[in-house]
Amino acid sequence: MTSSQSNDPTAILGENLTRLLGVEKTALHRVGARRLERLAHPPKAAGASLYDAARLDALPAVKGGEDWQCLSEALYFEARGESVKGQFAVAEVILNRVSSPLYPNTVCGVVKQGTGRRYQCQFTYTCDGHKDVVTEPAIYTRLGKIARLMLDGAPRTLTGGATHYHTRAVSPRWARSFPRTAAIGVHYFYRQPGAQIAQN
């Protein structure tokens, strides 16, 4: 007498479970370890820990493509002396511009808009005539982490959808007609009237 597995529900269940686990293993492998780490430990929605320097410094160093490079450099040359919160706020402005139809639709396009005309650019460091040299690598590494978090979808809640900022030391003409949305560190933040921001 021979036994058949066709009437044994545990045999079919075991086969299905083995097949399902194989599919899951393949899918997780495709996602990659770095992405899994971000999924397992996403940035806190609004907590202060997102803006904590020690937390940022504990994260592994990151790299990225052209937009990551442009955002990291912009943060370095525009906001490296700011608090971590202020650095995130400057990143918000750049990404808010990317999300607005009034500006280029890439980070590099936004950062380099007007470059080539002395003091006619959107971000002064790109047209002030000075060579852009990173002299503080540890700060640049931290700013690269901020750039990565922001490009990966960290919340943009600090500036109220700001598209512009300036330091407290200056008073540009446009600031008289743009509503101020925030004051963080040494910067004031403003939203350009009519700028529709597609939030992440």
N, C-alpha and C. Protein backbone atom coordinates (compact mmCIF):
# COMPACT_ATOMS: atom_id res chain seq x y z
N MET A 1 0.85 -1.17 0.00
CA MET A 1 0.00 0.00 0.00
C MET A 1 0.90 1.23 0.00
N THR A 2 0.54 2.20 -0.85
CA THR A 2 1.31 3.45 -0.92
C THR A 2 0.44 4.60 -0.46
N SER A 3 1.08 5.59 0.14
CA SER A 3 0.31 6.76 0.59
C SER A 3 0.46 7.88 -0.43
N SER A 4 -0.55 8.67 -0.53
CA SER A 4 -0.56 9.79 -1.48
C SER A 4 -0.55 11.10 -0.70
N GLN A 5 0.20 12.08 -1.25
CA GLN A 5 0.20 13.38 -0.59
C GLN A 5 -0.94 14.27 -1.08
N SER A 6 -1.65 13.81 -2.09
CA SER A 6 -2.70 14.64 -2.68
C SER A 6 -3.79 14.99 -1.67
N ASN A 7 -3.98 14.12 -0.69
CA ASN A 7 -4.99 14.39 0.32
C ASN A 7 -4.39 14.99 1.60
N ASP A 8 -3.12 15.27 1.58
CA ASP A 8 -2.45 15.80 2.76
C ASP A 8 -2.31 17.33 2.63
N PRO A 9 -3.17 18.12 3.29
CA PRO A 9 -3.13 19.58 3.15
C PRO A 9 -1.81 20.19 3.64
N THR A 10 -1.13 19.53 4.56
CA THR A 10 0.12 20.11 5.06
C THR A 10 1.22 20.05 4.00
N ALA A 11 1.17 19.07 3.12
CA ALA A 11 2.17 18.97 2.06
C ALA A 11 2.04 20.13 1.09
N ILE A 12 0.82 20.43 0.68
CA ILE A 12 0.58 21.57 -0.23
C ILE A 12 0.94 22.88 0.45
N LEU A 13 0.55 23.00 1.69
CA LEU A 13 0.88 24.21 2.45
C LEU A 13 2.38 24.40 2.55
N GLY A 14 3.10 23.30 2.81
CA GLY A 14 4.56 23.38 2.90
C GLY A 14 5.19 23.82 1.58
N GLU A 15 4.70 23.30 0.46
CA GLU A 15 5.21 23.68 -0.85
C GLU A 15 4.94 25.16 -1.13
N ASN A 16 3.72 25.58 -0.83
CA ASN A 16 3.35 26.99 -1.06
C ASN A 16 4.17 27.93 -0.18
N LEU A 17 4.36 27.54 1.05
CA LEU A 17 5.15 28.37 1.97
C LEU A 17 6.60 28.47 1.50
N THR A 18 7.16 27.36 1.05
CA THR A 18 8.53 27.37 0.55
C THR A 18 8.64 28.28 -0.67
N ARG A 19 7.67 28.17 -1.59
CA ARG A 19 7.68 29.01 -2.79
C ARG A 19 7.53 30.50 -2.40
N LEU A 20 6.64 30.81 -1.47
CA LEU A 20 6.42 32.18 -1.03
C LEU A 20 7.67 32.77 -0.37
N LEU A 21 8.32 31.97 0.46
CA LEU A 21 9.55 32.44 1.11
C LEU A 21 10.66 32.69 0.08
N GLY A 22 10.69 31.87 -0.96
CA GLY A 22 11.67 32.09 -2.02
C GLY A 22 11.43 33.39 -2.76
N VAL A 23 10.16 33.69 -3.04
CA VAL A 23 9.80 34.95 -3.70
C VAL A 23 10.16 36.14 -2.81
N GLU A 24 9.86 36.02 -1.51
CA GLU A 24 10.18 37.10 -0.57
C GLU A 24 11.69 37.33 -0.51
N LYS A 25 12.46 36.26 -0.45
CA LYS A 25 13.92 36.38 -0.38
C LYS A 25 14.46 37.08 -1.63
N THR A 26 13.95 36.72 -2.79
CA THR A 26 14.37 37.35 -4.04
C THR A 26 14.03 38.83 -4.04
N ALA A 27 12.81 39.17 -3.60
CA ALA A 27 12.37 40.57 -3.56
C ALA A 27 13.22 41.39 -2.60
N LEU A 28 13.50 40.85 -1.43
CA LEU A 28 14.32 41.57 -0.45
C LEU A 28 15.74 41.78 -0.96
N HIS A 29 16.26 40.79 -1.67
CA HIS A 29 17.59 40.91 -2.25
C HIS A 29 17.63 42.05 -3.27
N ARG A 30 16.57 42.19 -4.05
CA ARG A 30 16.51 43.25 -5.07
C ARG A 30 16.40 44.64 -4.44
N VAL A 31 15.76 44.74 -3.30
CA VAL A 31 15.60 46.03 -2.63
C VAL A 31 16.96 46.56 -2.17
N GLY A 32 17.81 45.73 -1.69
CA GLY A 32 19.13 46.14 -1.24
C GLY A 32 19.17 46.47 0.24
N ALA A 33 20.34 46.28 0.82
CA ALA A 33 20.51 46.45 2.27
C ALA A 33 20.30 47.89 2.71
N ARG A 34 20.80 48.86 1.92
CA ARG A 34 20.68 50.27 2.31
C ARG A 34 19.21 50.72 2.35
N ARG A 35 18.47 50.32 1.33
CA ARG A 35 17.05 50.68 1.27
C ARG A 35 16.27 49.99 2.39
N LEU A 36 16.60 48.75 2.68
CA LEU A 36 15.94 48.04 3.79
C LEU A 36 16.20 48.74 5.11
N GLU A 37 17.43 49.22 5.29
CA GLU A 37 17.76 49.94 6.52
C GLU A 37 16.92 51.21 6.65
N ARG A 38 16.75 51.93 5.53
CA ARG A 38 15.94 53.15 5.56
C ARG A 38 14.47 52.82 5.83
N LEU A 39 13.99 51.72 5.25
CA LEU A 39 12.61 51.30 5.50
C LEU A 39 12.39 50.89 6.95
N ALA A 40 13.40 50.22 7.52
CA ALA A 40 13.29 49.76 8.91
C ALA A 40 13.42 50.92 9.90
N HIS A 41 14.19 51.94 9.52
CA HIS A 41 14.42 53.09 10.41
C HIS A 41 14.20 54.39 9.64
N PRO A 42 12.94 54.69 9.27
CA PRO A 42 12.68 55.91 8.50
C PRO A 42 12.90 57.15 9.35
N PRO A 43 13.12 58.33 8.70
CA PRO A 43 13.24 59.56 9.47
C PRO A 43 11.95 59.80 10.25
N LYS A 44 12.06 60.29 11.46
CA LYS A 44 10.89 60.60 12.26
C LYS A 44 10.11 61.72 11.57
N ALA A 45 8.81 61.64 11.62
CA ALA A 45 7.98 62.58 10.86
C ALA A 45 8.24 64.02 11.24
N ALA A 46 8.27 64.36 12.50
CA ALA A 46 8.47 65.76 12.84
C ALA A 46 9.32 65.93 14.09
N GLY A 47 9.83 64.84 14.62
CA GLY A 47 10.58 64.92 15.86
C GLY A 47 11.91 65.62 15.72
N ALA A 48 12.38 66.12 16.85
CA ALA A 48 13.66 66.84 16.85
C ALA A 48 14.81 65.94 16.46
N SER A 49 14.65 64.61 16.59
CA SER A 49 15.76 63.71 16.30
C SER A 49 16.22 63.81 14.84
N LEU A 50 15.32 64.16 13.92
CA LEU A 50 15.71 64.33 12.53
C LEU A 50 16.76 65.44 12.41
N TYR A 51 16.68 66.42 13.27
CA TYR A 51 17.57 67.58 13.22
C TYR A 51 18.68 67.51 14.26
N ASP A 52 18.98 66.31 14.72
CA ASP A 52 20.00 66.13 15.74
C ASP A 52 21.35 65.82 15.10
N ALA A 53 22.35 66.65 15.37
CA ALA A 53 23.68 66.49 14.75
C ALA A 53 24.30 65.14 15.10
N ALA A 54 24.18 64.70 16.35
CA ALA A 54 24.78 63.43 16.76
C ALA A 54 24.14 62.27 16.00
N ARG A 55 22.84 62.33 15.81
CA ARG A 55 22.15 61.28 15.06
C ARG A 55 22.64 61.25 13.62
N LEU A 56 22.76 62.42 13.02
CA LEU A 56 23.26 62.50 11.64
C LEU A 56 24.69 61.96 11.54
N ASP A 57 25.52 62.35 12.49
CA ASP A 57 26.92 61.92 12.45
C ASP A 57 27.05 60.41 12.61
N ALA A 58 26.07 59.78 13.29
CA ALA A 58 26.12 58.34 13.49
C ALA A 58 25.69 57.56 12.24
N LEU A 59 25.02 58.22 11.31
CA LEU A 59 24.60 57.55 10.08
C LEU A 59 25.82 57.29 9.20
N PRO A 60 25.78 56.23 8.40
CA PRO A 60 26.92 55.98 7.50
C PRO A 60 27.01 57.06 6.43
N ALA A 61 28.22 57.31 5.96
CA ALA A 61 28.43 58.29 4.88
C ALA A 61 27.67 57.83 3.64
N VAL A 62 27.22 58.78 2.85
CA VAL A 62 26.42 58.46 1.67
C VAL A 62 27.02 59.10 0.42
N LYS A 63 26.59 58.61 -0.69
CA LYS A 63 26.92 59.20 -1.99
C LYS A 63 25.66 59.18 -2.81
N GLY A 64 25.72 59.80 -3.96
CA GLY A 64 24.54 59.81 -4.81
C GLY A 64 24.87 60.34 -6.18
N GLY A 65 23.82 60.56 -6.94
CA GLY A 65 23.97 61.05 -8.31
C GLY A 65 24.13 62.55 -8.37
N GLU A 66 23.84 63.08 -9.54
CA GLU A 66 24.07 64.50 -9.81
C GLU A 66 23.24 65.41 -8.91
N ASP A 67 21.95 65.10 -8.71
CA ASP A 67 21.12 65.94 -7.84
C ASP A 67 21.62 65.91 -6.40
N TRP A 68 22.04 64.74 -5.93
CA TRP A 68 22.60 64.65 -4.57
C TRP A 68 23.84 65.53 -4.47
N GLN A 69 24.70 65.48 -5.46
CA GLN A 69 25.94 66.28 -5.47
C GLN A 69 25.60 67.77 -5.44
N CYS A 70 24.67 68.19 -6.28
CA CYS A 70 24.29 69.61 -6.34
C CYS A 70 23.68 70.07 -5.01
N LEU A 71 22.83 69.25 -4.41
CA LEU A 71 22.21 69.63 -3.14
C LEU A 71 23.25 69.67 -2.03
N SER A 72 24.13 68.70 -1.98
CA SER A 72 25.19 68.68 -0.96
C SER A 72 26.07 69.93 -1.07
N GLU A 73 26.47 70.27 -2.28
CA GLU A 73 27.32 71.45 -2.48
C GLU A 73 26.57 72.73 -2.12
N ALA A 74 25.31 72.83 -2.52
CA ALA A 74 24.53 74.02 -2.19
C ALA A 74 24.42 74.18 -0.67
N LEU A 75 24.16 73.10 0.03
CA LEU A 75 24.07 73.17 1.49
C LEU A 75 25.40 73.58 2.09
N TYR A 76 26.48 73.06 1.54
CA TYR A 76 27.81 73.39 2.07
C TYR A 76 28.12 74.87 1.88
N PHE A 77 27.93 75.38 0.68
CA PHE A 77 28.33 76.76 0.40
C PHE A 77 27.30 77.79 0.84
N GLU A 78 26.06 77.36 1.05
CA GLU A 78 25.02 78.30 1.46
C GLU A 78 24.68 78.22 2.95
N ALA A 79 24.89 77.06 3.59
CA ALA A 79 24.35 76.89 4.94
C ALA A 79 25.24 76.13 5.90
N ARG A 80 26.52 75.96 5.59
CA ARG A 80 27.34 75.12 6.48
C ARG A 80 27.50 75.72 7.87
N GLY A 81 27.36 77.03 8.02
CA GLY A 81 27.47 77.67 9.34
C GLY A 81 26.17 77.71 10.10
N GLU A 82 25.10 77.22 9.50
CA GLU A 82 23.79 77.20 10.13
C GLU A 82 23.67 76.02 11.09
N SER A 83 22.62 76.05 11.91
CA SER A 83 22.27 74.89 12.72
C SER A 83 21.81 73.78 11.78
N VAL A 84 21.74 72.55 12.29
CA VAL A 84 21.26 71.44 11.48
C VAL A 84 19.84 71.74 10.99
N LYS A 85 19.01 72.29 11.84
CA LYS A 85 17.65 72.64 11.44
C LYS A 85 17.68 73.66 10.30
N GLY A 86 18.56 74.63 10.41
CA GLY A 86 18.69 75.63 9.35
C GLY A 86 19.18 75.02 8.05
N GLN A 87 20.04 74.03 8.14
CA GLN A 87 20.53 73.34 6.94
C GLN A 87 19.40 72.56 6.26
N PHE A 88 18.57 71.88 7.05
CA PHE A 88 17.41 71.21 6.49
C PHE A 88 16.47 72.23 5.84
N ALA A 89 16.33 73.39 6.46
CA ALA A 89 15.43 74.42 5.93
C ALA A 89 15.91 74.91 4.56
N VAL A 90 17.20 75.11 4.39
CA VAL A 90 17.74 75.53 3.09
C VAL A 90 17.49 74.42 2.06
N ALA A 91 17.67 73.17 2.46
CA ALA A 91 17.37 72.06 1.54
C ALA A 91 15.90 72.08 1.14
N GLU A 92 15.02 72.40 2.08
CA GLU A 92 13.60 72.50 1.77
C GLU A 92 13.34 73.52 0.66
N VAL A 93 13.97 74.68 0.77
CA VAL A 93 13.76 75.74 -0.23
C VAL A 93 14.13 75.22 -1.62
N ILE A 94 15.27 74.57 -1.71
CA ILE A 94 15.72 74.06 -3.01
C ILE A 94 14.73 73.04 -3.55
N LEU A 95 14.29 72.11 -2.71
CA LEU A 95 13.35 71.09 -3.16
C LEU A 95 11.96 71.67 -3.43
N ASN A 96 11.57 72.72 -2.68
CA ASN A 96 10.30 73.39 -2.96
C ASN A 96 10.34 74.02 -4.34
N ARG A 97 11.49 74.57 -4.72
CA ARG A 97 11.61 75.14 -6.06
C ARG A 97 11.52 74.04 -7.12
N VAL A 98 12.16 72.92 -6.86
CA VAL A 98 12.08 71.80 -7.81
C VAL A 98 10.62 71.39 -8.01
N SER A 99 9.83 71.45 -6.93
CA SER A 99 8.43 71.03 -6.98
C SER A 99 7.49 72.09 -7.56
N SER A 100 8.00 73.30 -7.81
CA SER A 100 7.18 74.38 -8.34
C SER A 100 7.37 74.52 -9.85
N PRO A 101 6.29 74.75 -10.58
CA PRO A 101 6.42 74.95 -12.03
C PRO A 101 7.14 76.25 -12.40
N LEU A 102 7.40 77.11 -11.43
CA LEU A 102 8.08 78.38 -11.71
C LEU A 102 9.59 78.22 -11.85
N TYR A 103 10.11 77.05 -11.51
CA TYR A 103 11.56 76.83 -11.47
C TYR A 103 11.92 75.56 -12.23
N PRO A 104 13.22 75.37 -12.49
CA PRO A 104 13.64 74.10 -13.13
C PRO A 104 13.19 72.90 -12.30
N ASN A 105 13.04 71.77 -12.96
CA ASN A 105 12.48 70.60 -12.27
C ASN A 105 13.54 69.61 -11.79
N THR A 106 14.79 70.05 -11.69
CA THR A 106 15.83 69.23 -11.09
C THR A 106 16.58 70.06 -10.05
N VAL A 107 17.21 69.38 -9.11
CA VAL A 107 17.99 70.09 -8.09
C VAL A 107 19.11 70.89 -8.75
N CYS A 108 19.84 70.27 -9.66
CA CYS A 108 20.95 70.98 -10.31
C CYS A 108 20.44 72.16 -11.13
N GLY A 109 19.30 72.00 -11.79
CA GLY A 109 18.72 73.10 -12.54
C GLY A 109 18.38 74.28 -11.65
N VAL A 110 17.81 74.00 -10.47
CA VAL A 110 17.47 75.06 -9.52
C VAL A 110 18.73 75.72 -8.99
N VAL A 111 19.69 74.93 -8.55
CA VAL A 111 20.90 75.48 -7.93
C VAL A 111 21.71 76.30 -8.92
N LYS A 112 21.76 75.87 -10.16
CA LYS A 112 22.60 76.56 -11.15
C LYS A 112 21.85 77.60 -11.97
N GLN A 113 20.60 77.87 -11.65
CA GLN A 113 19.82 78.84 -12.42
C GLN A 113 20.48 80.22 -12.37
N GLY A 114 20.78 80.76 -13.52
CA GLY A 114 21.41 82.08 -13.60
C GLY A 114 22.92 82.07 -13.48
N THR A 115 23.52 80.92 -13.25
CA THR A 115 24.97 80.83 -13.13
C THR A 115 25.62 81.29 -14.42
N GLY A 116 26.70 82.03 -14.29
CA GLY A 116 27.39 82.55 -15.46
C GLY A 116 27.27 84.06 -15.56
N ARG A 117 26.26 84.61 -14.91
CA ARG A 117 26.10 86.06 -14.86
C ARG A 117 26.44 86.51 -13.45
N ARG A 118 27.50 87.25 -13.32
CA ARG A 118 27.99 87.64 -11.99
C ARG A 118 26.89 88.28 -11.15
N TYR A 119 26.64 87.69 -10.00
CA TYR A 119 25.63 88.13 -9.04
C TYR A 119 24.21 88.18 -9.61
N GLN A 120 23.95 87.44 -10.67
CA GLN A 120 22.60 87.36 -11.23
C GLN A 120 22.01 85.96 -11.05
N CYS A 121 22.70 85.13 -10.27
CA CYS A 121 22.24 83.76 -10.07
C CYS A 121 21.31 83.69 -8.87
N GLN A 122 20.70 82.55 -8.68
CA GLN A 122 19.79 82.34 -7.57
C GLN A 122 20.52 82.01 -6.27
N PHE A 123 21.66 81.36 -6.38
CA PHE A 123 22.46 80.99 -5.21
C PHE A 123 23.84 81.60 -5.39
N THR A 124 24.16 82.58 -4.58
CA THR A 124 25.32 83.44 -4.78
C THR A 124 26.63 82.69 -5.01
N TYR A 125 26.82 81.59 -4.33
CA TYR A 125 28.10 80.90 -4.45
C TYR A 125 28.37 80.44 -5.88
N THR A 126 27.32 80.29 -6.70
CA THR A 126 27.53 79.81 -8.08
C THR A 126 27.94 80.92 -9.04
N CYS A 127 27.92 82.18 -8.60
CA CYS A 127 28.26 83.26 -9.53
C CYS A 127 29.02 84.40 -8.86
N ASP A 128 29.66 84.14 -7.72
CA ASP A 128 30.37 85.21 -7.02
C ASP A 128 31.82 85.34 -7.45
N GLY A 129 32.26 84.50 -8.36
CA GLY A 129 33.64 84.58 -8.85
C GLY A 129 34.65 83.86 -7.99
N HIS A 130 34.24 83.33 -6.86
CA HIS A 130 35.16 82.59 -5.98
C HIS A 130 35.15 81.11 -6.35
N LYS A 131 36.30 80.49 -6.24
CA LYS A 131 36.39 79.05 -6.50
C LYS A 131 35.71 78.30 -5.36
N ASP A 132 34.90 77.32 -5.71
CA ASP A 132 34.16 76.55 -4.71
C ASP A 132 34.99 75.35 -4.27
N VAL A 133 35.59 75.46 -3.08
CA VAL A 133 36.47 74.43 -2.56
C VAL A 133 35.95 73.98 -1.20
N VAL A 134 35.77 72.68 -1.04
CA VAL A 134 35.35 72.13 0.25
C VAL A 134 36.57 72.03 1.16
N THR A 135 36.58 72.83 2.22
CA THR A 135 37.71 72.84 3.15
C THR A 135 37.37 72.19 4.49
N GLU A 136 36.10 71.83 4.68
CA GLU A 136 35.66 71.19 5.92
C GLU A 136 34.96 69.87 5.58
N PRO A 137 35.73 68.81 5.34
CA PRO A 137 35.14 67.55 4.87
C PRO A 137 34.14 66.93 5.84
N ALA A 138 34.33 67.09 7.13
CA ALA A 138 33.39 66.49 8.09
C ALA A 138 32.01 67.14 7.96
N ILE A 139 32.00 68.44 7.80
CA ILE A 139 30.72 69.14 7.63
C ILE A 139 30.09 68.75 6.30
N TYR A 140 30.91 68.65 5.27
CA TYR A 140 30.39 68.25 3.96
C TYR A 140 29.77 66.85 4.03
N THR A 141 30.39 65.95 4.78
CA THR A 141 29.84 64.60 4.93
C THR A 141 28.48 64.65 5.60
N ARG A 142 28.35 65.47 6.65
CA ARG A 142 27.04 65.59 7.32
C ARG A 142 26.01 66.19 6.38
N LEU A 143 26.40 67.21 5.63
CA LEU A 143 25.46 67.84 4.70
C LEU A 143 25.04 66.88 3.59
N GLY A 144 25.95 65.99 3.21
CA GLY A 144 25.60 64.96 2.23
C GLY A 144 24.52 64.03 2.78
N LYS A 145 24.57 63.76 4.07
CA LYS A 145 23.54 62.93 4.71
C LYS A 145 22.20 63.65 4.71
N ILE A 146 22.23 64.96 5.00
CA ILE A 146 21.00 65.75 4.97
C ILE A 146 20.42 65.74 3.56
N ALA A 147 21.29 65.95 2.57
CA ALA A 147 20.84 65.93 1.18
C ALA A 147 20.18 64.59 0.84
N ARG A 148 20.81 63.49 1.27
CA ARG A 148 20.25 62.16 0.99
C ARG A 148 18.88 62.00 1.65
N LEU A 149 18.76 62.38 2.93
CA LEU A 149 17.48 62.26 3.64
C LEU A 149 16.40 63.07 2.93
N MET A 150 16.74 64.28 2.52
CA MET A 150 15.74 65.13 1.87
C MET A 150 15.35 64.58 0.51
N LEU A 151 16.30 64.12 -0.26
CA LEU A 151 15.98 63.55 -1.57
C LEU A 151 15.19 62.25 -1.44
N ASP A 152 15.36 61.55 -0.31
CA ASP A 152 14.64 60.30 -0.08
C ASP A 152 13.26 60.53 0.54
N GLY A 153 12.87 61.80 0.72
CA GLY A 153 11.51 62.08 1.17
C GLY A 153 11.33 62.50 2.61
N ALA A 154 12.37 62.97 3.28
CA ALA A 154 12.18 63.50 4.64
C ALA A 154 11.17 64.64 4.57
N PRO A 155 10.41 64.85 5.64
CA PRO A 155 9.35 65.86 5.59
C PRO A 155 9.89 67.27 5.38
N ARG A 156 9.12 68.06 4.64
CA ARG A 156 9.45 69.48 4.42
C ARG A 156 8.44 70.32 5.19
N THR A 157 8.66 70.44 6.48
CA THR A 157 7.68 71.11 7.34
C THR A 157 8.23 72.33 8.07
N LEU A 158 9.48 72.66 7.85
CA LEU A 158 10.10 73.75 8.62
C LEU A 158 9.78 75.14 8.08
N THR A 159 9.64 75.27 6.77
CA THR A 159 9.62 76.61 6.17
C THR A 159 8.28 77.04 5.60
N GLY A 160 7.24 76.24 5.75
CA GLY A 160 5.94 76.63 5.23
C GLY A 160 5.92 76.78 3.72
N GLY A 161 6.65 75.93 3.02
CA GLY A 161 6.65 75.98 1.57
C GLY A 161 7.50 77.10 0.99
N ALA A 162 8.52 77.53 1.71
CA ALA A 162 9.35 78.65 1.26
C ALA A 162 10.07 78.34 -0.05
N THR A 163 10.21 79.37 -0.87
CA THR A 163 10.95 79.26 -2.12
C THR A 163 12.17 80.19 -2.12
N HIS A 164 12.29 81.02 -1.08
CA HIS A 164 13.38 81.99 -1.01
C HIS A 164 13.85 82.10 0.43
N TYR A 165 15.08 82.55 0.59
CA TYR A 165 15.60 82.87 1.92
C TYR A 165 16.71 83.90 1.76
N HIS A 166 17.01 84.57 2.85
CA HIS A 166 18.18 85.45 2.90
C HIS A 166 18.66 85.54 4.34
N THR A 167 19.89 85.95 4.50
CA THR A 167 20.41 86.10 5.86
C THR A 167 19.84 87.37 6.48
N ARG A 168 19.88 87.43 7.79
CA ARG A 168 19.38 88.60 8.50
C ARG A 168 20.20 89.86 8.21
N ALA A 169 21.40 89.66 7.65
CA ALA A 169 22.31 90.79 7.40
C ALA A 169 21.93 91.59 6.15
N VAL A 170 21.05 91.06 5.31
CA VAL A 170 20.68 91.77 4.09
C VAL A 170 19.17 91.95 4.02
N SER A 171 18.73 92.84 3.12
CA SER A 171 17.30 93.08 2.93
C SER A 171 17.00 93.23 1.45
N PRO A 172 16.87 92.11 0.73
CA PRO A 172 16.62 92.19 -0.71
C PRO A 172 15.25 92.79 -1.02
N ARG A 173 15.15 93.41 -2.17
CA ARG A 173 13.92 94.09 -2.58
C ARG A 173 12.73 93.14 -2.62
N TRP A 174 12.95 91.92 -3.12
CA TRP A 174 11.83 90.98 -3.25
C TRP A 174 11.20 90.62 -1.91
N ALA A 175 11.98 90.73 -0.82
CA ALA A 175 11.47 90.34 0.51
C ALA A 175 10.31 91.22 0.96
N ARG A 176 10.17 92.41 0.38
CA ARG A 176 9.07 93.30 0.75
C ARG A 176 7.73 92.82 0.21
N SER A 177 7.76 92.03 -0.85
CA SER A 177 6.49 91.60 -1.46
C SER A 177 6.21 90.11 -1.30
N PHE A 178 7.15 89.36 -0.74
CA PHE A 178 6.93 87.93 -0.51
C PHE A 178 6.55 87.73 0.96
N PRO A 179 5.54 86.94 1.25
CA PRO A 179 5.22 86.67 2.65
C PRO A 179 6.31 85.84 3.33
N ARG A 180 6.71 86.27 4.53
CA ARG A 180 7.70 85.51 5.31
C ARG A 180 7.01 84.32 5.94
N THR A 181 7.65 83.16 5.83
CA THR A 181 7.05 81.93 6.35
C THR A 181 7.77 81.38 7.57
N ALA A 182 9.02 81.77 7.77
CA ALA A 182 9.79 81.22 8.91
C ALA A 182 11.04 82.05 9.14
N ALA A 183 11.55 81.95 10.35
CA ALA A 183 12.86 82.50 10.71
C ALA A 183 13.59 81.40 11.45
N ILE A 184 14.69 80.92 10.86
CA ILE A 184 15.46 79.82 11.45
C ILE A 184 16.92 80.21 11.41
N GLY A 185 17.56 80.22 12.57
CA GLY A 185 18.97 80.59 12.64
C GLY A 185 19.20 81.97 12.08
N VAL A 186 20.13 82.10 11.15
CA VAL A 186 20.47 83.42 10.60
C VAL A 186 19.69 83.72 9.32
N HIS A 187 18.70 82.89 8.98
CA HIS A 187 17.96 83.08 7.73
C HIS A 187 16.48 83.38 7.97
N TYR A 188 15.94 84.22 7.09
CA TYR A 188 14.50 84.42 6.98
C TYR A 188 14.05 83.67 5.72
N PHE A 189 12.86 83.08 5.79
CA PHE A 189 12.34 82.28 4.68
C PHE A 189 11.04 82.89 4.17
N TYR A 190 10.84 82.82 2.85
CA TYR A 190 9.70 83.44 2.19
C TYR A 190 9.14 82.51 1.13
N ARG A 191 7.86 82.71 0.84
CA ARG A 191 7.22 81.95 -0.24
C ARG A 191 6.83 82.91 -1.35
N GLN A 192 7.27 82.62 -2.54
CA GLN A 192 6.94 83.46 -3.68
C GLN A 192 5.45 83.38 -3.97
N PRO A 193 4.76 84.51 -4.07
CA PRO A 193 3.33 84.47 -4.41
C PRO A 193 3.13 83.71 -5.72
N GLY A 194 2.16 82.84 -5.73
CA GLY A 194 1.83 82.07 -6.93
C GLY A 194 2.66 80.81 -7.10
N ALA A 195 3.59 80.58 -6.22
CA ALA A 195 4.41 79.35 -6.33
C ALA A 195 3.61 78.19 -5.75
N GLN A 196 3.20 77.30 -6.61
CA GLN A 196 2.48 76.12 -6.17
C GLN A 196 3.48 75.02 -5.93
N ILE A 197 3.54 74.55 -4.70
CA ILE A 197 4.52 73.55 -4.32
C ILE A 197 3.84 72.19 -4.22
N ALA A 198 4.30 71.23 -4.99
CA ALA A 198 3.80 69.86 -4.87
C ALA A 198 4.59 69.20 -3.76
N GLN A 199 4.01 69.08 -2.58
CA GLN A 199 4.72 68.52 -1.42
C GLN A 199 4.89 67.02 -1.57
N ASN A 200 5.99 66.51 -0.95
CA ASN A 200 6.25 65.07 -1.00
C ASN A 200 5.36 64.35 -0.02
